[in-house]
Amino acid sequence: MLEYWLATDHGPLCVRTAPQPQVAFVPAAQQARAQQLLAEVPGLSWQTLALKDFRQRPVVGLYAEQYQQLLTARASLRASAVDLYEADIRPPDRYLMERFITAPVRVAGQGDGASRLANARLRPQDGYRPRLRMVSLDIETSERGDLYCIGLQGCGQRQVFMLGAPVNPPEALGFDLAWRPTRAALIEALNAWLAEHDPDVIIGWNLVQFDVRVLHEQARREGVPLRLGRDGQALRWREHPDGNHGFAEVAGRWLVDGIEALRSATWSFPSFSLEYVARQLLGDGKAISTPYQRMDEINRMFAEDQPALARYNLQDCELVTRIFERTDLLAFLLERSSVTGLPGDRSGGSVAAFTHLYLPPMHRQGFVAPNLGEKCLRPALAASSWIPGPGSTIRCWCWTTKAFTPRSSAPF
């Protein structure tokens, strides 16, 4: 089955579809060889289809009960030079694109507890835009990546969690400052704050590659889960093979990096440091006298003046929020998702957007997509005449997806 988190007028909604078969395509002339190679892979079946590849060869459908079985089949066929098409399309993405859903949807299903639907059926719903709750997150660390504090601004709150023993601030701070004795307790405080205030979107500056990465590594070292997702679901972190950046998957929330969001909205600056962008857009900057050489000052404040460090931490959160408001970035990301089908927190993805929009009409014209780099004929495709059927009950916005099986909530 597939799981989607939806934003609705009545709050977040988690829906699960009925079990969905996973599909890829093999040239009919290679079917016998493919069946021989895959004889030991369970859960596979074959079906004759009225489809061709771009070389005009008829293809057959290779169906799997689970996506992991399809990935196993792909590895085996690739090693034996058997052509396999569209095996790289994740099941949640295929389910949406084949129904011409980008982001706005109508959904119906069976109630399965609070804010949950089972056996969900999703259909397109043009024009719907959700009201999303946003929080800005920022952390301060030592030069070695040791966590000092966590700042949060949004959902009507201004909060900083600080490592150490409580001290009496010299004056009213104008925000909530709470101390925690260990870094594990800092992570737990963040988990509890997100569960209580339940934002839809977490924003920040270099959010995933710095703040979330550091929080993930700190949580792993301390032996506590980093529960950034809804229903207390832990962050899933994947490192890119190049080792230079990672991917964060969070159930039911967007993680939106301000730098990537500005770039995707075609903003350009000589420097994308928070100090520079804030000065250019807001005429304001960091609460520190040396914003470009700030590590020594941060260490000093942590050792001698933690309320000042908390104020500095929170101002960074507020600068990011003001930049999002000044540039209307969240509205831009919603519109981009409604046009392309890409999640709002995804940076780049032009190929994925092309796939989402053009693969279903291609299928209805009788063709499957070629693999990247394949040299082949390119038939002209007529415009799709598909018209969505009637909708159902709830207007929603789909923002996170994943495949789900009772044996594993993360099979790929």
Protein backbone atom coordinates (compact mmCIF):
# COMPACT_ATOMS: atom_id res chain seq x y z
CA MET A 1 0.00 0.00 0.00
CA LEU A 2 0.99 3.65 -0.35
CA GLU A 3 0.91 6.33 2.33
CA TYR A 4 0.38 10.05 1.73
CA TRP A 5 0.21 12.99 4.10
CA LEU A 6 -2.29 15.62 3.04
CA ALA A 7 -2.86 19.20 4.17
CA THR A 8 -6.58 19.99 4.50
CA ASP A 9 -8.74 22.83 5.80
CA HIS A 10 -9.17 20.75 8.97
CA GLY A 11 -5.53 19.93 9.60
CA PRO A 12 -3.16 17.16 8.47
CA LEU A 13 -4.57 13.90 7.19
CA CYS A 14 -2.72 10.61 6.68
CA VAL A 15 -4.18 8.34 4.00
CA ARG A 16 -3.27 4.86 2.79
CA THR A 17 -4.34 3.34 -0.48
CA ALA A 18 -5.27 -0.26 -1.15
CA PRO A 19 -2.27 -2.41 -2.15
CA GLN A 20 -0.86 -1.26 -5.47
CA PRO A 21 1.14 -3.48 -7.87
CA GLN A 22 4.47 -2.06 -9.02
CA VAL A 23 5.18 -2.10 -12.75
CA ALA A 24 8.02 -1.84 -15.26
CA PHE A 25 8.24 -2.85 -18.91
CA VAL A 26 10.33 -5.37 -20.87
CA PRO A 27 10.46 -5.76 -24.68
CA ALA A 28 8.29 -8.73 -25.61
CA ALA A 29 11.19 -10.22 -27.60
CA GLN A 30 13.25 -10.38 -24.37
CA GLN A 31 10.50 -11.72 -22.12
CA ALA A 32 11.63 -15.35 -22.21
CA ARG A 33 15.18 -14.39 -21.24
CA ALA A 34 13.88 -12.12 -18.48
CA GLN A 35 11.61 -14.82 -17.06
CA GLN A 36 14.55 -17.20 -16.94
CA LEU A 37 16.71 -14.69 -15.09
CA LEU A 38 13.96 -13.82 -12.61
CA ALA A 39 12.69 -17.33 -11.90
CA GLU A 40 13.85 -17.14 -8.26
CA VAL A 41 12.41 -13.69 -7.52
CA PRO A 42 9.05 -14.06 -5.71
CA GLY A 43 5.97 -11.94 -6.27
CA LEU A 44 6.44 -11.25 -10.01
CA SER A 45 3.89 -11.62 -12.80
CA TRP A 46 3.68 -10.74 -16.47
CA GLN A 47 0.97 -9.16 -18.61
CA THR A 48 0.62 -8.49 -22.33
CA LEU A 49 0.01 -4.79 -23.02
CA ALA A 50 -0.80 -2.63 -26.02
CA LEU A 51 2.37 -0.57 -25.56
CA LYS A 52 5.64 -0.12 -27.44
CA ASP A 53 9.04 1.32 -26.64
CA PHE A 54 10.56 4.14 -28.69
CA ARG A 55 12.15 1.56 -31.01
CA GLN A 56 8.63 0.48 -31.95
CA ARG A 57 9.05 -2.86 -30.16
CA PRO A 58 6.03 -4.29 -28.28
CA VAL A 59 6.57 -4.45 -24.54
CA VAL A 60 5.07 -6.55 -21.75
CA GLY A 61 4.34 -5.46 -18.20
CA LEU A 62 6.46 -6.83 -15.36
CA TYR A 63 4.41 -6.53 -12.16
CA ALA A 64 5.66 -6.91 -8.60
CA GLU A 65 3.86 -7.03 -5.29
CA GLN A 66 6.51 -4.81 -3.68
CA TYR A 67 8.86 -2.19 -5.07
CA GLN A 68 11.89 -3.92 -3.57
CA GLN A 69 11.15 -6.96 -5.74
CA LEU A 70 11.14 -4.70 -8.80
CA LEU A 71 14.49 -3.24 -7.79
CA THR A 72 15.90 -6.75 -7.41
CA ALA A 73 14.61 -7.60 -10.87
CA ARG A 74 16.12 -4.43 -12.31
CA ALA A 75 19.58 -5.28 -10.98
CA SER A 76 19.43 -8.80 -12.40
CA LEU A 77 18.17 -7.74 -15.84
CA ARG A 78 20.61 -4.87 -16.11
CA ALA A 79 23.53 -7.22 -15.42
CA SER A 80 22.37 -9.43 -18.30
CA ALA A 81 21.71 -6.59 -20.79
CA VAL A 82 17.94 -7.09 -20.80
CA ASP A 83 16.09 -3.82 -21.41
CA LEU A 84 13.81 -2.68 -18.60
CA TYR A 85 11.83 0.56 -18.75
CA GLU A 86 10.42 2.85 -16.03
CA ALA A 87 11.66 0.74 -13.11
CA ASP A 88 13.11 3.86 -11.48
CA ILE A 89 9.72 5.51 -10.91
CA ARG A 90 8.82 5.32 -7.25
CA PRO A 91 5.36 3.80 -6.59
CA PRO A 92 3.92 6.86 -4.77
CA ASP A 93 4.95 9.07 -7.70
CA ARG A 94 3.50 6.70 -10.29
CA TYR A 95 0.18 6.48 -8.45
CA LEU A 96 -0.20 10.28 -8.57
CA MET A 97 1.06 10.91 -12.08
CA GLU A 98 -1.09 8.19 -13.64
CA ARG A 99 -4.12 9.95 -12.14
CA PHE A 100 -2.94 13.36 -13.38
CA ILE A 101 -2.51 14.58 -9.81
CA THR A 102 0.14 17.21 -9.17
CA ALA A 103 -0.58 18.40 -5.61
CA PRO A 104 -4.23 19.48 -5.11
CA VAL A 105 -6.42 16.41 -4.61
CA ARG A 106 -9.82 15.16 -3.53
CA VAL A 107 -9.76 12.09 -1.35
CA ALA A 108 -12.27 9.59 -0.02
CA GLY A 109 -11.77 6.47 2.07
CA GLN A 110 -12.62 4.61 5.25
CA GLY A 111 -11.99 6.22 8.63
CA ASP A 112 -9.08 4.53 10.37
CA GLY A 113 -8.66 6.45 13.62
CA ALA A 114 -8.13 10.18 14.16
CA SER A 115 -6.94 12.01 11.04
CA ARG A 116 -6.47 8.80 9.05
CA LEU A 117 -8.14 7.19 6.05
CA ALA A 118 -7.67 3.64 4.76
CA ASN A 119 -8.36 2.35 1.24
CA ALA A 120 -8.06 5.94 0.07
CA ARG A 121 -8.94 7.03 -3.46
CA LEU A 122 -7.32 10.22 -4.74
CA ARG A 123 -8.44 12.40 -7.65
CA PRO A 124 -7.27 15.77 -9.04
CA GLN A 125 -8.71 18.95 -7.52
CA ASP A 126 -7.80 22.09 -9.40
CA GLY A 127 -7.33 25.36 -7.58
CA TYR A 128 -7.03 24.27 -3.95
CA ARG A 129 -4.28 25.90 -1.89
CA PRO A 130 -3.82 25.00 1.78
CA ARG A 131 -3.03 27.31 4.67
CA LEU A 132 0.26 25.99 6.04
CA ARG A 133 1.74 26.55 9.48
CA MET A 134 5.44 27.41 9.29
CA VAL A 135 8.30 27.41 11.80
CA SER A 136 11.82 28.70 11.29
CA LEU A 137 14.56 26.54 12.83
CA ASP A 138 18.19 27.46 13.48
CA ILE A 139 20.92 25.88 15.59
CA GLU A 140 24.21 27.12 16.99
CA THR A 141 27.19 24.82 17.39
CA SER A 142 30.89 24.80 18.14
CA GLU A 143 33.39 24.62 15.29
CA ARG A 144 33.39 20.82 15.83
CA GLY A 145 29.63 20.58 15.36
CA ASP A 146 28.79 20.20 19.06
CA LEU A 147 25.25 21.47 19.60
CA TYR A 148 24.86 24.59 21.78
CA CYS A 149 21.22 25.59 21.26
CA ILE A 150 18.14 25.24 19.08
CA GLY A 151 15.99 28.23 18.08
CA LEU A 152 12.36 28.03 16.86
CA GLN A 153 10.18 30.89 15.65
CA GLY A 154 6.70 30.30 14.30
CA CYS A 155 3.28 28.86 15.18
CA GLY A 156 2.94 31.86 17.52
CA GLN A 157 6.07 30.85 19.47
CA ARG A 158 9.58 32.26 20.01
CA GLN A 159 11.59 29.54 21.71
CA VAL A 160 15.25 28.72 22.35
CA PHE A 161 16.50 25.54 24.00
CA MET A 162 19.99 26.01 25.48
CA LEU A 163 22.54 23.46 26.68
CA GLY A 164 23.58 23.99 30.29
CA ALA A 165 22.29 25.03 33.70
CA PRO A 166 19.68 27.81 34.04
CA VAL A 167 20.88 31.33 34.72
CA ASN A 168 18.92 34.47 35.51
CA PRO A 169 18.91 36.70 32.42
CA PRO A 170 19.78 40.34 33.12
CA GLU A 171 16.51 41.60 31.64
CA ALA A 172 13.23 40.43 30.12
CA LEU A 173 14.12 38.57 26.95
CA GLY A 174 10.83 38.75 25.08
CA PHE A 175 11.03 35.06 24.19
CA ASP A 176 11.07 31.70 25.96
CA LEU A 177 14.52 30.42 26.94
CA ALA A 178 14.73 26.95 28.45
CA TRP A 179 17.86 25.08 29.49
CA ARG A 180 18.50 21.37 29.09
CA PRO A 181 21.32 19.52 30.88
CA THR A 182 22.44 17.31 27.95
CA ARG A 183 22.44 17.33 24.17
CA ALA A 184 20.14 14.30 24.23
CA ALA A 185 17.69 16.41 26.23
CA LEU A 186 17.98 19.19 23.62
CA ILE A 187 16.92 16.73 20.91
CA GLU A 188 14.04 15.49 23.06
CA ALA A 189 12.93 19.09 23.67
CA LEU A 190 12.84 19.71 19.92
CA ASN A 191 10.84 16.51 19.40
CA ALA A 192 8.32 17.55 22.05
CA TRP A 193 7.99 21.10 20.63
CA LEU A 194 7.22 19.81 17.13
CA ALA A 195 4.69 17.31 18.48
CA GLU A 196 2.92 20.04 20.48
CA HIS A 197 2.86 22.85 17.90
CA ASP A 198 2.71 20.62 14.80
CA PRO A 199 3.98 22.87 11.97
CA ASP A 200 3.42 21.90 8.34
CA VAL A 201 6.65 23.46 7.08
CA ILE A 202 10.09 23.77 8.70
CA ILE A 203 12.24 26.46 7.10
CA GLY A 204 15.85 27.46 7.65
CA TRP A 205 19.08 28.63 6.02
CA ASN A 206 21.15 25.76 4.64
CA LEU A 207 18.58 23.78 6.59
CA VAL A 208 19.15 20.21 5.42
CA GLN A 209 22.87 20.21 4.70
CA PHE A 210 23.78 21.89 7.99
CA ASP A 211 21.07 22.15 10.67
CA VAL A 212 19.29 18.86 9.99
CA ARG A 213 22.54 17.02 9.29
CA VAL A 214 24.04 18.21 12.59
CA LEU A 215 20.85 17.35 14.50
CA HIS A 216 20.80 13.90 12.89
CA GLU A 217 24.43 13.22 13.75
CA GLN A 218 23.99 14.58 17.28
CA ALA A 219 20.90 12.43 17.85
CA ARG A 220 22.70 9.37 16.53
CA ARG A 221 25.66 9.95 18.86
CA GLU A 222 23.38 10.49 21.83
CA GLY A 223 21.26 7.44 21.03
CA VAL A 224 17.94 9.31 20.77
CA PRO A 225 15.65 9.47 17.73
CA LEU A 226 15.22 12.77 15.89
CA ARG A 227 11.44 12.84 15.46
CA LEU A 228 10.90 15.56 12.89
CA GLY A 229 7.96 13.78 11.26
CA ARG A 230 4.33 13.68 12.16
CA ASP A 231 3.03 10.99 14.52
CA GLY A 232 6.48 11.08 16.09
CA GLN A 233 8.10 9.49 13.04
CA ALA A 234 11.87 9.71 13.01
CA LEU A 235 13.88 11.45 10.32
CA ARG A 236 15.19 9.19 7.57
CA TRP A 237 18.62 10.33 6.36
CA ARG A 238 20.41 9.16 3.22
CA GLU A 239 23.89 10.18 2.16
CA HIS A 240 24.53 10.91 -1.51
CA PRO A 241 27.21 8.61 -2.98
CA ASP A 242 29.46 11.64 -3.52
CA GLY A 243 29.55 12.15 0.26
CA ASN A 244 29.05 15.91 -0.09
CA HIS A 245 25.38 16.14 0.73
CA GLY A 246 22.49 14.14 2.12
CA PHE A 247 18.74 13.73 1.76
CA ALA A 248 16.25 14.09 4.60
CA GLU A 249 12.84 12.40 4.47
CA VAL A 250 10.24 13.57 6.98
CA ALA A 251 6.68 12.25 7.16
CA GLY A 252 4.02 14.92 6.87
CA ARG A 253 6.19 18.06 6.80
CA TRP A 254 8.19 20.04 4.29
CA LEU A 255 11.81 20.87 5.05
CA VAL A 256 12.43 24.02 3.00
CA ASP A 257 15.91 25.49 2.70
CA GLY A 258 15.81 29.23 2.08
CA ILE A 259 18.85 29.22 -0.20
CA GLU A 260 17.49 26.53 -2.52
CA ALA A 261 14.00 28.03 -2.47
CA LEU A 262 15.32 31.44 -3.52
CA ARG A 263 17.36 29.90 -6.32
CA SER A 264 14.39 27.91 -7.59
CA ALA A 265 12.40 31.16 -7.63
CA THR A 266 15.19 32.70 -9.80
CA TRP A 267 16.56 35.04 -7.12
CA SER A 268 20.29 35.67 -7.55
CA PHE A 269 22.84 37.20 -5.18
CA PRO A 270 26.66 37.44 -5.25
CA SER A 271 26.56 35.65 -1.89
CA PHE A 272 23.79 33.52 -0.40
CA SER A 273 24.99 33.95 3.18
CA LEU A 274 22.11 34.83 5.49
CA GLU A 275 23.84 38.09 6.44
CA TYR A 276 24.21 39.23 2.82
CA VAL A 277 20.72 38.24 1.66
CA ALA A 278 19.07 39.76 4.74
CA ARG A 279 20.93 43.04 4.21
CA GLN A 280 19.88 43.14 0.56
CA LEU A 281 16.22 42.22 1.06
CA LEU A 282 15.46 43.50 4.55
CA GLY A 283 18.10 46.11 5.32
CA ASP A 284 18.82 44.16 8.49
CA GLY A 285 21.34 41.55 9.60
CA LYS A 286 22.62 39.30 12.35
CA ALA A 287 22.68 40.31 16.02
CA ILE A 288 26.45 40.12 16.23
CA SER A 289 29.21 42.64 15.65
CA THR A 290 31.29 40.38 13.39
CA PRO A 291 28.73 38.39 11.35
CA TYR A 292 31.30 37.02 8.87
CA GLN A 293 33.83 35.93 11.54
CA ARG A 294 31.38 34.86 14.20
CA MET A 295 32.70 31.53 15.57
CA ASP A 296 34.84 33.09 18.29
CA GLU A 297 31.96 35.29 19.39
CA ILE A 298 29.53 32.35 19.49
CA ASN A 299 31.95 30.37 21.66
CA ARG A 300 32.39 33.36 23.95
CA MET A 301 28.63 33.89 24.33
CA PHE A 302 28.04 30.22 25.07
CA ALA A 303 30.70 30.33 27.80
CA GLU A 304 29.89 33.75 29.26
CA ASP A 305 26.49 35.08 28.12
CA GLN A 306 24.02 32.40 27.06
CA PRO A 307 20.99 34.75 26.94
CA ALA A 308 22.88 36.79 24.32
CA LEU A 309 23.56 33.62 22.33
CA ALA A 310 19.87 32.73 22.53
CA ARG A 311 18.96 36.19 21.23
CA TYR A 312 21.40 35.78 18.35
CA ASN A 313 20.03 32.29 17.60
CA LEU A 314 16.43 33.48 17.54
CA GLN A 315 17.19 36.50 15.37
CA ASP A 316 18.58 34.19 12.69
CA CYS A 317 15.25 32.32 12.77
CA GLU A 318 13.36 35.58 12.41
CA LEU A 319 15.52 36.81 9.54
CA VAL A 320 14.72 33.64 7.60
CA THR A 321 11.00 34.04 8.29
CA ARG A 322 11.10 37.66 7.11
CA ILE A 323 12.95 36.68 3.93
CA PHE A 324 10.26 34.08 3.17
CA GLU A 325 7.56 36.68 3.75
CA ARG A 326 9.35 39.37 1.73
CA THR A 327 9.77 37.09 -1.29
CA ASP A 328 6.48 35.17 -0.88
CA LEU A 329 8.45 31.93 -1.20
CA LEU A 330 5.85 29.62 0.29
CA ALA A 331 3.21 30.75 -2.21
CA PHE A 332 5.73 30.23 -5.02
CA LEU A 333 6.47 26.67 -3.84
CA LEU A 334 2.76 25.84 -3.67
CA GLU A 335 2.25 27.07 -7.23
CA ARG A 336 5.30 25.18 -8.46
CA SER A 337 3.98 21.96 -6.92
CA SER A 338 0.55 22.49 -8.48
CA VAL A 339 2.13 22.81 -11.93
CA THR A 340 4.93 20.22 -11.82
CA GLY A 341 3.88 17.65 -9.22
CA LEU A 342 7.20 18.09 -7.39
CA PRO A 343 7.17 18.30 -3.57
CA GLY A 344 7.61 21.88 -2.42
CA ASP A 345 10.76 21.06 -0.49
CA ARG A 346 12.50 19.45 -3.44
CA SER A 347 15.30 21.46 -5.01
CA GLY A 348 15.99 20.97 -8.70
CA GLY A 349 14.08 18.10 -10.27
CA SER A 350 13.41 19.34 -13.79
CA VAL A 351 13.66 15.78 -15.15
CA ALA A 352 11.27 14.51 -12.48
CA ALA A 353 8.81 17.29 -13.31
CA PHE A 354 8.98 16.41 -17.01
CA THR A 355 8.37 12.75 -16.16
CA HIS A 356 5.40 13.58 -13.94
CA LEU A 357 3.68 15.66 -16.60
CA TYR A 358 4.44 13.78 -19.79
CA LEU A 359 4.62 10.09 -18.90
CA PRO A 360 0.85 9.50 -18.51
CA PRO A 361 -0.07 11.09 -21.89
CA MET A 362 2.75 9.07 -23.45
CA HIS A 363 1.26 5.84 -22.09
CA ARG A 364 -2.14 6.77 -23.44
CA GLN A 365 -0.56 7.23 -26.85
CA GLY A 366 0.82 3.68 -26.63
CA PHE A 367 4.46 4.22 -25.60
CA VAL A 368 6.68 3.65 -22.58
CA ALA A 369 9.53 6.01 -21.74
CA PRO A 370 13.07 5.25 -22.91
CA ASN A 371 15.93 5.03 -20.45
CA LEU A 372 18.21 8.02 -19.97
CA GLY A 373 20.79 8.27 -22.75
CA GLU A 374 19.14 5.67 -24.96
CA LYS A 375 19.30 6.42 -28.67
CA CYS A 376 15.99 5.60 -30.31
CA LEU A 377 13.21 6.87 -32.53
CA ARG A 378 11.06 9.56 -30.98
CA PRO A 379 7.43 9.29 -32.12
CA ALA A 380 5.29 12.40 -32.14
CA LEU A 381 2.68 12.29 -29.38
CA ALA A 382 -0.73 13.84 -29.74
CA ALA A 383 -2.19 15.88 -26.90
CA SER A 384 -3.85 13.75 -24.26
CA SER A 385 -7.64 13.63 -24.37
CA TRP A 386 -7.91 12.21 -20.84
CA ILE A 387 -10.50 13.91 -18.68
CA PRO A 388 -10.54 13.34 -14.89
CA GLY A 389 -13.62 11.68 -13.48
CA PRO A 390 -15.79 13.14 -10.73
CA GLY A 391 -14.11 13.84 -7.41
CA SER A 392 -15.10 12.81 -3.93
CA THR A 393 -15.23 14.36 -0.51
CA ILE A 394 -12.16 16.19 0.83
CA ARG A 395 -10.10 18.92 -0.81
CA CYS A 396 -6.46 18.37 0.13
CA TRP A 397 -2.87 19.09 -0.77
CA CYS A 398 -0.45 16.20 -1.06
CA TRP A 399 3.02 17.03 0.26
CA THR A 400 4.79 13.85 1.35
CA THR A 401 4.61 10.28 0.12
CA LYS A 402 6.15 6.92 0.75
CA ALA A 403 5.58 3.26 0.05
CA PHE A 404 4.41 1.21 3.01
CA THR A 405 4.20 -2.50 3.75
CA PRO A 406 3.45 -4.21 7.08
CA ARG A 407 7.00 -5.60 7.08
CA SER A 408 8.80 -2.35 6.41
CA SER A 409 7.77 1.29 6.37
CA ALA A 410 10.84 2.11 4.29
CA PRO A 411 11.28 -0.56 1.61
CA PHE A 412 13.29 1.65 -0.74
